Amino acid sequence: MSLNAFAEKIMVIETDLGNIEISFMQDKAPLHVKAIQDLVTKGFYDGCTFHRVIPGFMIQGGDPNSKSADRSMHGTGGPGFNIKAEFNDISHKRGICSMARSQNPDSAGSQFFIVVKDSTFLDRQYTVWGQVTSGMDVADKIVAVKRDPNDNPVQRVVMKKVYLKDTKDAKEKAK
């Protein structure tokens, strides 16, 4: 699939609490968008959980280790590659999707987070790659679940299926 075809897709995350739809910011973070879309296409995120939820801040998911019952490993996994940072001018306002990473700016892989409250202190330190276009009510439900001392939900919040679908613009162009 060409980059232009990918640019006209949105990411859908199906959970038991509802669906979250995310539009991509191809022009702001092309390497991250391509990596995420490739992972989605391969089914990488299916079965991952939102393994870190912090009320008033964000929900984080995308760790393949979160598919395991061994909670001690949640938050430590990735896809086997890192993506060079693409810090940009998009502010971390409610609904923004950004890449999680270690202290190394170029260590992002597959884990991402959605901010549920404006978090501008993150600006230009994490790569913003998308925006929730539908389902912030679902993100609000996820961030409110009971969690353990490590901010890992007590009841797993699983990404049952994650896939790409055409944007309305792409559907209009196809007519």
N, C-alpha and C. Protein backbone atom coordinates (compact mmCIF):
# COMPACT_ATOMS: atom_id res chain seq x y z
N MET A 1 0.85 -1.18 0.00
CA MET A 1 0.00 0.00 0.00
C MET A 1 0.89 1.24 0.00
N SER A 2 0.58 2.23 -0.83
CA SER A 2 1.40 3.44 -0.91
C SER A 2 1.20 4.30 0.33
N LEU A 3 2.16 5.21 0.55
CA LEU A 3 2.03 6.13 1.69
C LEU A 3 0.76 6.96 1.58
N ASN A 4 0.42 7.38 0.35
CA ASN A 4 -0.80 8.17 0.18
C ASN A 4 -2.04 7.37 0.56
N ALA A 5 -2.05 6.09 0.22
CA ALA A 5 -3.20 5.25 0.59
C ALA A 5 -3.28 5.13 2.10
N PHE A 6 -2.13 4.97 2.75
CA PHE A 6 -2.10 4.89 4.22
C PHE A 6 -2.55 6.21 4.84
N ALA A 7 -2.20 7.34 4.20
CA ALA A 7 -2.54 8.64 4.76
C ALA A 7 -4.05 8.85 4.82
N GLU A 8 -4.78 8.11 4.02
CA GLU A 8 -6.23 8.26 3.99
C GLU A 8 -6.93 7.20 4.84
N LYS A 9 -6.22 6.68 5.82
CA LYS A 9 -6.77 5.67 6.73
C LYS A 9 -6.89 6.26 8.13
N ILE A 10 -7.77 5.66 8.92
CA ILE A 10 -7.81 5.94 10.34
C ILE A 10 -7.64 4.62 11.08
N MET A 11 -7.17 4.69 12.30
CA MET A 11 -6.93 3.51 13.13
C MET A 11 -8.13 3.34 14.04
N VAL A 12 -8.64 2.12 14.11
CA VAL A 12 -9.76 1.80 14.98
C VAL A 12 -9.28 0.79 16.02
N ILE A 13 -9.53 1.10 17.29
CA ILE A 13 -9.18 0.20 18.39
C ILE A 13 -10.49 -0.26 19.02
N GLU A 14 -10.78 -1.56 18.91
CA GLU A 14 -11.99 -2.12 19.52
C GLU A 14 -11.65 -2.65 20.91
N THR A 15 -12.43 -2.21 21.92
CA THR A 15 -12.29 -2.72 23.29
C THR A 15 -13.67 -3.10 23.80
N ASP A 16 -13.71 -3.77 24.95
CA ASP A 16 -15.00 -4.09 25.57
C ASP A 16 -15.74 -2.85 26.04
N LEU A 17 -15.02 -1.74 26.19
CA LEU A 17 -15.63 -0.50 26.66
C LEU A 17 -16.07 0.40 25.51
N GLY A 18 -15.81 -0.04 24.26
CA GLY A 18 -16.18 0.74 23.08
C GLY A 18 -14.98 0.90 22.16
N ASN A 19 -15.19 1.64 21.09
CA ASN A 19 -14.16 1.84 20.07
C ASN A 19 -13.54 3.23 20.16
N ILE A 20 -12.27 3.30 19.82
CA ILE A 20 -11.55 4.57 19.70
C ILE A 20 -11.06 4.66 18.26
N GLU A 21 -11.32 5.80 17.61
CA GLU A 21 -10.84 6.04 16.25
C GLU A 21 -9.82 7.16 16.28
N ILE A 22 -8.73 6.95 15.56
CA ILE A 22 -7.60 7.89 15.58
C ILE A 22 -7.24 8.27 14.15
N SER A 23 -7.15 9.57 13.89
CA SER A 23 -6.66 10.04 12.59
C SER A 23 -5.15 10.23 12.69
N PHE A 24 -4.47 10.00 11.60
CA PHE A 24 -3.01 10.08 11.56
C PHE A 24 -2.54 11.46 11.13
N MET A 25 -1.39 11.87 11.63
CA MET A 25 -0.74 13.12 11.25
C MET A 25 0.50 12.78 10.44
N GLN A 26 0.26 12.29 9.24
CA GLN A 26 1.33 11.84 8.34
C GLN A 26 2.36 12.94 8.11
N ASP A 27 1.92 14.18 7.98
CA ASP A 27 2.84 15.27 7.69
C ASP A 27 3.72 15.64 8.88
N LYS A 28 3.30 15.30 10.09
CA LYS A 28 4.05 15.67 11.30
C LYS A 28 4.99 14.56 11.78
N ALA A 29 4.63 13.31 11.51
CA ALA A 29 5.44 12.18 12.01
C ALA A 29 5.38 11.02 11.03
N PRO A 30 5.90 11.20 9.80
CA PRO A 30 5.75 10.16 8.77
C PRO A 30 6.36 8.81 9.15
N LEU A 31 7.50 8.79 9.82
CA LEU A 31 8.12 7.51 10.19
C LEU A 31 7.28 6.77 11.22
N HIS A 32 6.75 7.50 12.18
CA HIS A 32 5.92 6.88 13.22
C HIS A 32 4.60 6.39 12.65
N VAL A 33 3.98 7.21 11.81
CA VAL A 33 2.70 6.81 11.21
C VAL A 33 2.89 5.55 10.38
N LYS A 34 3.94 5.51 9.57
CA LYS A 34 4.17 4.31 8.75
C LYS A 34 4.40 3.09 9.63
N ALA A 35 5.22 3.23 10.67
CA ALA A 35 5.50 2.09 11.56
C ALA A 35 4.23 1.59 12.24
N ILE A 36 3.42 2.51 12.74
CA ILE A 36 2.18 2.12 13.42
C ILE A 36 1.24 1.43 12.44
N GLN A 37 1.07 2.01 11.26
CA GLN A 37 0.17 1.41 10.28
C GLN A 37 0.67 0.04 9.84
N ASP A 38 1.96 -0.13 9.70
CA ASP A 38 2.51 -1.45 9.36
C ASP A 38 2.20 -2.45 10.48
N LEU A 39 2.39 -2.03 11.73
CA LEU A 39 2.10 -2.92 12.87
C LEU A 39 0.62 -3.27 12.92
N VAL A 40 -0.24 -2.29 12.67
CA VAL A 40 -1.69 -2.55 12.67
C VAL A 40 -2.03 -3.57 11.59
N THR A 41 -1.49 -3.37 10.39
CA THR A 41 -1.76 -4.26 9.26
C THR A 41 -1.33 -5.70 9.56
N LYS A 42 -0.26 -5.86 10.33
CA LYS A 42 0.24 -7.19 10.70
C LYS A 42 -0.50 -7.80 11.88
N GLY A 43 -1.44 -7.06 12.48
CA GLY A 43 -2.18 -7.58 13.64
C GLY A 43 -1.41 -7.50 14.95
N PHE A 44 -0.33 -6.73 14.96
CA PHE A 44 0.55 -6.64 16.12
C PHE A 44 -0.20 -6.21 17.39
N TYR A 45 -1.10 -5.25 17.26
CA TYR A 45 -1.76 -4.69 18.44
C TYR A 45 -2.93 -5.54 18.94
N ASP A 46 -3.43 -6.45 18.12
CA ASP A 46 -4.57 -7.29 18.54
C ASP A 46 -4.20 -8.08 19.79
N GLY A 47 -4.96 -7.90 20.85
CA GLY A 47 -4.70 -8.61 22.10
C GLY A 47 -3.84 -7.86 23.09
N CYS A 48 -3.20 -6.76 22.64
CA CYS A 48 -2.46 -5.92 23.59
C CYS A 48 -3.47 -5.25 24.53
N THR A 49 -3.00 -4.78 25.66
CA THR A 49 -3.88 -4.08 26.59
C THR A 49 -3.44 -2.63 26.74
N PHE A 50 -4.35 -1.85 27.33
CA PHE A 50 -3.95 -0.56 27.87
C PHE A 50 -3.42 -0.89 29.25
N HIS A 51 -2.10 -0.97 29.36
CA HIS A 51 -1.45 -1.49 30.57
C HIS A 51 -1.08 -0.41 31.58
N ARG A 52 -1.27 0.84 31.21
CA ARG A 52 -0.94 1.94 32.12
C ARG A 52 -2.00 3.02 31.97
N VAL A 53 -2.71 3.31 33.05
CA VAL A 53 -3.75 4.34 33.02
C VAL A 53 -3.55 5.25 34.23
N ILE A 54 -3.50 6.55 33.96
CA ILE A 54 -3.29 7.53 35.03
C ILE A 54 -4.38 8.59 34.91
N PRO A 55 -5.36 8.57 35.83
CA PRO A 55 -6.45 9.55 35.79
C PRO A 55 -5.92 10.99 35.73
N GLY A 56 -6.57 11.80 34.92
CA GLY A 56 -6.16 13.18 34.75
C GLY A 56 -4.93 13.34 33.89
N PHE A 57 -4.50 12.25 33.25
CA PHE A 57 -3.29 12.33 32.42
C PHE A 57 -3.44 11.55 31.12
N MET A 58 -3.33 10.21 31.16
CA MET A 58 -3.30 9.45 29.91
C MET A 58 -3.57 7.97 30.12
N ILE A 59 -3.80 7.30 28.95
CA ILE A 59 -3.86 5.83 28.89
C ILE A 59 -2.77 5.39 27.91
N GLN A 60 -2.08 4.29 28.24
CA GLN A 60 -0.97 3.81 27.42
C GLN A 60 -1.16 2.35 27.08
N GLY A 61 -0.84 2.00 25.84
CA GLY A 61 -0.93 0.62 25.39
C GLY A 61 0.04 0.35 24.26
N GLY A 62 -0.06 -0.85 23.69
CA GLY A 62 0.76 -1.22 22.55
C GLY A 62 1.97 -2.07 22.87
N ASP A 63 2.04 -2.58 24.10
CA ASP A 63 3.15 -3.45 24.49
C ASP A 63 2.75 -4.90 24.25
N PRO A 64 3.48 -5.64 23.39
CA PRO A 64 3.12 -7.04 23.15
C PRO A 64 3.22 -7.89 24.42
N ASN A 65 4.05 -7.48 25.38
CA ASN A 65 4.16 -8.23 26.64
C ASN A 65 2.88 -8.16 27.46
N SER A 66 2.03 -7.17 27.16
CA SER A 66 0.77 -7.04 27.91
C SER A 66 -0.24 -8.12 27.53
N LYS A 67 0.07 -8.90 26.50
CA LYS A 67 -0.80 -10.03 26.14
C LYS A 67 -0.65 -11.16 27.15
N SER A 68 0.43 -11.13 27.91
CA SER A 68 0.73 -12.16 28.91
C SER A 68 0.09 -11.81 30.25
N ALA A 69 -0.17 -12.84 31.03
CA ALA A 69 -0.71 -12.63 32.38
C ALA A 69 0.37 -12.14 33.34
N ASP A 70 1.64 -12.21 32.94
CA ASP A 70 2.75 -11.78 33.80
C ASP A 70 2.82 -10.25 33.81
N ARG A 71 2.13 -9.65 34.77
CA ARG A 71 2.03 -8.20 34.84
C ARG A 71 3.38 -7.52 35.05
N SER A 72 4.36 -8.24 35.59
CA SER A 72 5.67 -7.63 35.84
C SER A 72 6.36 -7.23 34.54
N MET A 73 5.95 -7.82 33.43
CA MET A 73 6.57 -7.53 32.13
C MET A 73 5.80 -6.48 31.34
N HIS A 74 4.60 -6.10 31.79
CA HIS A 74 3.81 -5.11 31.07
C HIS A 74 4.54 -3.78 31.04
N GLY A 75 4.62 -3.20 29.86
CA GLY A 75 5.30 -1.92 29.70
C GLY A 75 6.75 -2.03 29.28
N THR A 76 7.24 -3.25 29.15
CA THR A 76 8.66 -3.44 28.83
C THR A 76 8.91 -3.91 27.39
N GLY A 77 7.85 -4.18 26.64
CA GLY A 77 8.02 -4.77 25.31
C GLY A 77 7.90 -3.79 24.17
N GLY A 78 8.25 -4.29 23.00
CA GLY A 78 8.17 -3.49 21.78
C GLY A 78 8.21 -4.39 20.56
N PRO A 79 8.31 -3.78 19.38
CA PRO A 79 8.24 -4.54 18.14
C PRO A 79 9.59 -5.09 17.66
N GLY A 80 10.66 -4.80 18.38
CA GLY A 80 11.98 -5.26 17.93
C GLY A 80 12.74 -4.21 17.14
N PHE A 81 12.20 -3.01 17.05
CA PHE A 81 12.90 -1.90 16.39
C PHE A 81 12.53 -0.60 17.10
N ASN A 82 13.35 0.42 16.88
CA ASN A 82 13.08 1.75 17.43
C ASN A 82 12.88 2.72 16.28
N ILE A 83 12.14 3.80 16.57
CA ILE A 83 11.85 4.82 15.57
C ILE A 83 12.52 6.12 16.02
N LYS A 84 13.23 6.76 15.10
CA LYS A 84 13.89 8.03 15.41
C LYS A 84 12.82 9.08 15.76
N ALA A 85 13.09 9.86 16.79
CA ALA A 85 12.14 10.88 17.25
C ALA A 85 11.75 11.84 16.12
N GLU A 86 10.48 12.20 16.10
CA GLU A 86 9.96 13.21 15.17
C GLU A 86 9.17 14.23 15.99
N PHE A 87 9.84 14.87 16.94
CA PHE A 87 9.16 15.87 17.77
C PHE A 87 8.64 16.96 16.84
N ASN A 88 7.45 17.46 17.14
CA ASN A 88 6.82 18.43 16.25
C ASN A 88 6.10 19.51 17.06
N ASP A 89 5.39 20.38 16.37
CA ASP A 89 4.77 21.53 17.01
C ASP A 89 3.34 21.28 17.50
N ILE A 90 2.87 20.05 17.44
CA ILE A 90 1.52 19.74 17.91
C ILE A 90 1.55 19.65 19.44
N SER A 91 0.65 20.38 20.07
CA SER A 91 0.58 20.39 21.53
C SER A 91 -0.20 19.19 22.05
N HIS A 92 0.21 18.69 23.19
CA HIS A 92 -0.45 17.53 23.82
C HIS A 92 -1.76 17.96 24.49
N LYS A 93 -2.74 18.27 23.68
CA LYS A 93 -4.08 18.60 24.16
C LYS A 93 -4.88 17.31 24.28
N ARG A 94 -5.98 17.37 25.01
CA ARG A 94 -6.85 16.22 25.19
C ARG A 94 -7.12 15.55 23.84
N GLY A 95 -6.94 14.23 23.78
CA GLY A 95 -7.21 13.47 22.56
C GLY A 95 -6.01 13.24 21.67
N ILE A 96 -4.89 13.84 22.00
CA ILE A 96 -3.68 13.66 21.19
C ILE A 96 -3.07 12.28 21.47
N CYS A 97 -2.54 11.66 20.40
CA CYS A 97 -1.87 10.36 20.50
C CYS A 97 -0.38 10.59 20.26
N SER A 98 0.43 10.04 21.14
CA SER A 98 1.86 10.26 21.11
C SER A 98 2.57 8.95 21.41
N MET A 99 3.83 8.86 21.05
CA MET A 99 4.60 7.64 21.29
C MET A 99 5.24 7.64 22.66
N ALA A 100 5.13 6.50 23.34
CA ALA A 100 5.84 6.30 24.59
C ALA A 100 7.29 5.94 24.25
N ARG A 101 8.18 6.22 25.18
CA ARG A 101 9.60 5.92 24.96
C ARG A 101 10.32 5.88 26.30
N SER A 102 11.57 5.46 26.26
CA SER A 102 12.42 5.51 27.46
C SER A 102 13.06 6.91 27.52
N GLN A 103 14.10 7.06 28.31
CA GLN A 103 14.80 8.35 28.37
C GLN A 103 15.47 8.69 27.05
N ASN A 104 15.73 7.68 26.24
CA ASN A 104 16.34 7.88 24.92
C ASN A 104 15.26 8.39 23.96
N PRO A 105 15.42 9.60 23.42
CA PRO A 105 14.39 10.15 22.53
C PRO A 105 14.10 9.28 21.31
N ASP A 106 15.07 8.48 20.88
CA ASP A 106 14.91 7.64 19.69
C ASP A 106 14.53 6.20 20.03
N SER A 107 13.85 5.99 21.15
CA SER A 107 13.55 4.63 21.61
C SER A 107 12.09 4.21 21.42
N ALA A 108 11.27 5.04 20.77
CA ALA A 108 9.88 4.66 20.54
C ALA A 108 9.82 3.41 19.66
N GLY A 109 8.83 2.56 19.92
CA GLY A 109 8.66 1.35 19.12
C GLY A 109 7.21 1.14 18.76
N SER A 110 6.44 0.55 19.68
CA SER A 110 5.02 0.27 19.41
C SER A 110 4.10 0.88 20.46
N GLN A 111 4.63 1.21 21.63
CA GLN A 111 3.77 1.72 22.70
C GLN A 111 3.41 3.18 22.45
N PHE A 112 2.14 3.48 22.70
CA PHE A 112 1.64 4.83 22.49
C PHE A 112 0.73 5.20 23.65
N PHE A 113 0.45 6.49 23.75
CA PHE A 113 -0.49 6.94 24.77
C PHE A 113 -1.43 7.98 24.20
N ILE A 114 -2.59 8.07 24.83
CA ILE A 114 -3.62 9.05 24.48
C ILE A 114 -3.80 9.92 25.71
N VAL A 115 -3.62 11.24 25.56
CA VAL A 115 -3.80 12.11 26.71
C VAL A 115 -5.29 12.40 26.90
N VAL A 116 -5.75 12.25 28.14
CA VAL A 116 -7.16 12.47 28.46
C VAL A 116 -7.38 13.87 29.04
N LYS A 117 -6.29 14.58 29.27
CA LYS A 117 -6.33 15.95 29.76
C LYS A 117 -5.15 16.68 29.14
N ASP A 118 -5.31 17.96 28.84
CA ASP A 118 -4.20 18.71 28.27
C ASP A 118 -2.94 18.46 29.09
N SER A 119 -1.86 18.13 28.40
CA SER A 119 -0.58 17.79 29.04
C SER A 119 0.56 18.45 28.28
N THR A 120 0.50 19.77 28.21
CA THR A 120 1.45 20.52 27.38
C THR A 120 2.90 20.41 27.86
N PHE A 121 3.10 19.95 29.09
CA PHE A 121 4.48 19.76 29.58
C PHE A 121 5.22 18.68 28.78
N LEU A 122 4.47 17.89 28.00
CA LEU A 122 5.07 16.86 27.15
C LEU A 122 5.51 17.39 25.78
N ASP A 123 5.07 18.60 25.44
CA ASP A 123 5.31 19.14 24.10
C ASP A 123 6.79 19.13 23.74
N ARG A 124 7.05 18.72 22.48
CA ARG A 124 8.39 18.66 21.89
C ARG A 124 9.34 17.70 22.62
N GLN A 125 8.75 16.79 23.42
CA GLN A 125 9.56 15.77 24.08
C GLN A 125 9.11 14.36 23.69
N TYR A 126 7.92 14.27 23.11
CA TYR A 126 7.35 13.00 22.67
C TYR A 126 6.77 13.23 21.28
N THR A 127 6.82 12.21 20.43
CA THR A 127 6.35 12.35 19.05
C THR A 127 4.84 12.20 18.98
N VAL A 128 4.17 13.29 18.62
CA VAL A 128 2.73 13.27 18.37
C VAL A 128 2.52 12.73 16.97
N TRP A 129 1.61 11.74 16.84
CA TRP A 129 1.37 11.12 15.53
C TRP A 129 -0.11 11.02 15.16
N GLY A 130 -1.00 11.34 16.09
CA GLY A 130 -2.42 11.20 15.78
C GLY A 130 -3.31 11.95 16.74
N GLN A 131 -4.62 11.89 16.43
CA GLN A 131 -5.64 12.57 17.23
C GLN A 131 -6.88 11.70 17.27
N VAL A 132 -7.45 11.52 18.45
CA VAL A 132 -8.70 10.77 18.57
C VAL A 132 -9.80 11.59 17.91
N THR A 133 -10.51 10.97 16.96
CA THR A 133 -11.61 11.65 16.28
C THR A 133 -12.96 11.14 16.77
N SER A 134 -12.96 9.99 17.41
CA SER A 134 -14.18 9.40 17.97
C SER A 134 -13.76 8.45 19.08
N GLY A 135 -14.47 8.51 20.20
CA GLY A 135 -14.20 7.56 21.26
C GLY A 135 -13.46 8.11 22.47
N MET A 136 -13.40 9.43 22.61
CA MET A 136 -12.76 9.96 23.83
C MET A 136 -13.56 9.55 25.06
N ASP A 137 -14.86 9.31 24.89
CA ASP A 137 -15.66 8.82 26.02
C ASP A 137 -15.16 7.43 26.44
N VAL A 138 -14.68 6.65 25.48
CA VAL A 138 -14.11 5.33 25.78
C VAL A 138 -12.78 5.49 26.52
N ALA A 139 -11.94 6.41 26.05
CA ALA A 139 -10.67 6.68 26.74
C ALA A 139 -10.94 7.12 28.18
N ASP A 140 -12.00 7.92 28.37
CA ASP A 140 -12.36 8.36 29.72
C ASP A 140 -12.80 7.18 30.59
N LYS A 141 -13.49 6.22 30.00
CA LYS A 141 -13.88 5.01 30.75
C LYS A 141 -12.64 4.20 31.12
N ILE A 142 -11.71 4.09 30.18
CA ILE A 142 -10.49 3.30 30.42
C ILE A 142 -9.66 3.93 31.54
N VAL A 143 -9.50 5.25 31.50
CA VAL A 143 -8.65 5.90 32.51
C VAL A 143 -9.26 5.84 33.90
N ALA A 144 -10.56 5.55 33.97
CA ALA A 144 -11.26 5.52 35.26
C ALA A 144 -11.33 4.13 35.88
N VAL A 145 -10.81 3.10 35.20
CA VAL A 145 -10.90 1.75 35.75
C VAL A 145 -10.01 1.62 36.99
N LYS A 146 -10.37 0.66 37.84
CA LYS A 146 -9.56 0.39 39.03
C LYS A 146 -8.19 -0.13 38.58
N ARG A 147 -7.14 0.34 39.25
CA ARG A 147 -5.79 -0.04 38.84
C ARG A 147 -4.95 -0.44 40.04
N ASP A 148 -3.86 -1.15 39.75
CA ASP A 148 -2.95 -1.60 40.80
C ASP A 148 -1.94 -0.48 41.12
N PRO A 149 -1.02 -0.70 42.05
CA PRO A 149 -0.05 0.34 42.40
C PRO A 149 0.88 0.77 41.26
N ASN A 150 0.95 -0.03 40.20
CA ASN A 150 1.76 0.32 39.02
C ASN A 150 0.94 0.98 37.92
N ASP A 151 -0.29 1.39 38.24
CA ASP A 151 -1.22 2.02 37.29
C ASP A 151 -1.67 1.07 36.18
N ASN A 152 -1.54 -0.24 36.40
CA ASN A 152 -2.00 -1.26 35.47
C ASN A 152 -3.43 -1.62 35.86
N PRO A 153 -4.39 -1.55 34.92
CA PRO A 153 -5.77 -1.89 35.28
C PRO A 153 -5.89 -3.28 35.91
N VAL A 154 -6.68 -3.36 36.98
CA VAL A 154 -6.91 -4.64 37.65
C VAL A 154 -7.63 -5.59 36.70
N GLN A 155 -8.67 -5.09 36.03
CA GLN A 155 -9.36 -5.84 34.97
C GLN A 155 -8.73 -5.43 33.65
N ARG A 156 -8.19 -6.38 32.90
CA ARG A 156 -7.52 -6.08 31.64
C ARG A 156 -8.43 -5.32 30.67
N VAL A 157 -7.90 -4.26 30.08
CA VAL A 157 -8.60 -3.52 29.03
C VAL A 157 -7.89 -3.88 27.73
N VAL A 158 -8.46 -4.85 27.02
CA VAL A 158 -7.81 -5.44 25.84
C VAL A 158 -8.20 -4.72 24.56
N MET A 159 -7.20 -4.51 23.71
CA MET A 159 -7.44 -4.06 22.34
C MET A 159 -7.81 -5.33 21.58
N LYS A 160 -9.10 -5.63 21.51
CA LYS A 160 -9.54 -6.89 20.91
C LYS A 160 -9.13 -6.97 19.45
N LYS A 161 -9.35 -5.89 18.74
CA LYS A 161 -8.99 -5.84 17.32
C LYS A 161 -8.61 -4.40 17.01
N VAL A 162 -7.51 -4.25 16.30
CA VAL A 162 -7.05 -2.93 15.86
C VAL A 162 -6.87 -3.01 14.35
N TYR A 163 -7.48 -2.08 13.64
CA TYR A 163 -7.43 -2.14 12.18
C TYR A 163 -7.49 -0.74 11.59
N LEU A 164 -7.21 -0.67 10.28
CA LEU A 164 -7.28 0.57 9.53
C LEU A 164 -8.55 0.58 8.71
N LYS A 165 -9.17 1.74 8.63
CA LYS A 165 -10.32 1.88 7.73
C LYS A 165 -10.20 3.20 7.00
N ASP A 166 -10.88 3.29 5.86
CA ASP A 166 -10.83 4.50 5.04
C ASP A 166 -11.43 5.68 5.78
N THR A 167 -10.83 6.85 5.56
CA THR A 167 -11.42 8.09 6.07
C THR A 167 -12.59 8.45 5.17
N LYS A 168 -13.41 9.38 5.61
CA LYS A 168 -14.53 9.84 4.78
C LYS A 168 -14.00 10.45 3.49
N ASP A 169 -12.86 11.18 3.57
CA ASP A 169 -12.28 11.79 2.37
C ASP A 169 -11.91 10.74 1.34
N ALA A 170 -11.31 9.64 1.79
CA ALA A 170 -10.92 8.57 0.87
C ALA A 170 -12.14 7.95 0.22
N LYS A 171 -13.20 7.78 1.01
CA LYS A 171 -14.44 7.20 0.46
C LYS A 171 -15.03 8.12 -0.60
N GLU A 172 -14.98 9.44 -0.35
CA GLU A 172 -15.52 10.40 -1.32
C GLU A 172 -14.72 10.37 -2.62
N LYS A 173 -13.40 10.30 -2.52
CA LYS A 173 -12.54 10.27 -3.71
C LYS A 173 -12.78 9.01 -4.54
N ALA A 174 -13.17 7.93 -3.90
CA ALA A 174 -13.38 6.65 -4.59
C ALA A 174 -14.67 6.64 -5.40
N LYS A 175 -15.57 7.55 -5.12
CA LYS A 175 -16.87 7.57 -5.82
C LYS A 175 -16.73 8.04 -7.25
